[in-house]
Amino acid sequence: PALPPRPLSAPSAVRPRERSPQAGQGPTWVQKHSNGQFLARNYSIIRSIGQGDFGHVDLVHHIASGERRVCKRVKLVGMQDDLLCQMRMEIRVLSCLDHPNIVKIYEF
C-alpha cells in the first residue's frame, strides 16, 4: 500500500539558495565554465555511469573536496534551439534550489 503524502514543513520545504551580492549572478557556489578544461583540472573520473542521445554521465571524484559527484556532459553541437533553451532553464532553476531530494548543481 502507498504511504499518504506528507505535507511540506519548513525544514523539508524547497528553499532557494543564497544569492551572490551581484544581481543576476546566481548562487555564490554554482560556477559557470566556458569549456571543459576545468573538468580535467578539478575532477578525476571514477567510472562511466551511462550514456544517451545528448551525452554521457560519469561518476567523478572532486579533487579539492574529496566528494564523489556525478558529471553529466551534454553534446551541444546540433542541438535544436528549443531543447537548448529548455536545458538552460533547467540549469537556472536547479541551481537556485536547495533540497536533499533535488539534484544539486555545483558547476555547469
Protein backbone atom coordinates (compact mmCIF):
# COMPACT_ATOMS: atom_id res chain seq x y z
CA PRO A 1 0.00 0.00 0.00
CA ALA A 2 1.13 3.51 -0.80
CA LEU A 3 2.02 5.87 2.00
CA PRO A 4 -0.09 9.01 2.40
CA PRO A 5 1.59 12.18 1.13
CA ARG A 6 3.48 14.20 3.73
CA PRO A 7 2.79 17.91 3.96
CA LEU A 8 5.83 20.09 3.35
CA SER A 9 7.06 21.56 6.59
CA ALA A 10 9.61 24.31 6.93
CA PRO A 11 12.66 22.03 7.36
CA SER A 12 11.91 19.90 4.29
CA ALA A 13 10.45 22.61 2.07
CA VAL A 14 12.35 23.61 -1.04
CA ARG A 15 14.34 26.72 -0.21
CA PRO A 16 16.10 28.98 -2.68
CA ARG A 17 19.86 29.01 -2.35
CA GLU A 18 21.61 32.15 -1.22
CA ARG A 19 22.28 34.61 -4.00
CA SER A 20 25.54 36.35 -4.67
CA PRO A 21 25.78 40.09 -3.96
CA GLN A 22 25.55 40.95 -7.67
CA ALA A 23 22.06 40.58 -9.08
CA GLY A 24 21.70 38.00 -11.81
CA GLN A 25 24.93 36.19 -10.94
CA GLY A 26 23.16 33.14 -9.48
CA PRO A 27 24.08 31.30 -6.29
CA THR A 28 27.52 32.01 -4.90
CA TRP A 29 28.81 28.44 -5.16
CA VAL A 30 27.48 27.46 -8.63
CA GLN A 31 30.25 28.18 -11.11
CA LYS A 32 29.83 28.54 -14.87
CA HIS A 33 32.66 27.41 -17.14
CA SER A 34 33.18 28.25 -20.80
CA ASN A 35 34.96 25.00 -21.69
CA GLY A 36 35.67 21.51 -20.35
CA GLN A 37 39.26 22.13 -19.21
CA PHE A 38 38.10 22.63 -15.61
CA LEU A 39 36.93 19.00 -15.57
CA ALA A 40 40.44 17.61 -16.13
CA ARG A 41 41.95 20.01 -13.57
CA ASN A 42 39.39 19.54 -10.80
CA TYR A 43 37.98 16.05 -11.18
CA SER A 44 39.15 12.50 -11.76
CA ILE A 45 36.77 10.13 -13.50
CA ILE A 46 36.00 7.04 -11.43
CA ARG A 47 33.76 5.23 -13.92
CA SER A 48 31.11 5.69 -16.56
CA ILE A 49 27.52 5.50 -15.34
CA GLY A 50 25.69 5.71 -18.65
CA GLN A 51 25.15 7.48 -21.93
CA GLY A 52 22.31 8.67 -24.10
CA ASP A 53 21.47 10.75 -27.14
CA PHE A 54 22.62 14.01 -25.54
CA GLY A 55 25.88 12.86 -23.95
CA HIS A 56 27.15 10.71 -21.12
CA VAL A 57 27.31 10.58 -17.32
CA ASP A 58 30.35 9.71 -15.20
CA LEU A 59 30.93 9.18 -11.51
CA VAL A 60 33.76 11.58 -10.64
CA HIS A 61 35.96 12.49 -7.67
CA HIS A 62 36.17 16.21 -6.87
CA ILE A 63 39.86 16.65 -6.04
CA ALA A 64 39.55 19.69 -3.74
CA SER A 65 36.72 18.40 -1.52
CA GLY A 66 37.18 14.65 -1.87
CA GLU A 67 33.48 14.30 -2.69
CA ARG A 68 32.10 11.88 -5.21
CA ARG A 69 29.86 13.64 -7.70
CA VAL A 70 28.12 12.87 -10.94
CA CYS A 71 29.23 14.67 -14.09
CA LYS A 72 26.75 14.93 -16.95
CA ARG A 73 28.40 16.05 -20.18
CA VAL A 74 25.98 17.20 -22.86
CA LYS A 75 26.72 17.49 -26.58
CA LEU A 76 25.53 20.94 -27.67
CA VAL A 77 26.55 20.64 -31.32
CA GLY A 78 23.45 20.20 -33.45
CA MET A 79 21.04 20.59 -30.52
CA GLN A 80 17.77 22.23 -31.52
CA ASP A 81 17.25 25.73 -30.17
CA ASP A 82 14.14 24.80 -28.17
CA LEU A 83 15.97 21.92 -26.42
CA LEU A 84 18.95 24.15 -25.70
CA CYS A 85 16.64 26.78 -24.21
CA GLN A 86 14.89 24.14 -22.08
CA MET A 87 18.24 22.82 -20.83
CA ARG A 88 19.39 26.33 -19.85
CA MET A 89 16.10 26.92 -17.99
CA GLU A 90 16.53 23.64 -16.09
CA ILE A 91 20.07 24.64 -15.08
CA ARG A 92 18.86 28.05 -13.85
CA VAL A 93 16.03 26.53 -11.82
CA LEU A 94 18.07 23.68 -10.31
CA SER A 95 20.96 25.98 -9.40
CA CYS A 96 18.58 28.08 -7.29
CA LEU A 97 17.08 25.19 -5.27
CA ASP A 98 18.38 23.55 -2.12
CA HIS A 99 16.64 20.32 -1.08
CA PRO A 100 18.00 16.85 -0.24
CA ASN A 101 15.74 15.21 -2.87
CA ILE A 102 16.69 17.56 -5.72
CA VAL A 103 19.91 17.25 -7.70
CA LYS A 104 22.39 19.92 -6.63
CA ILE A 105 24.29 21.66 -9.41
CA TYR A 106 27.84 22.65 -8.48
CA GLU A 107 29.16 23.73 -11.89
CA PHE A 108 28.00 23.96 -15.48
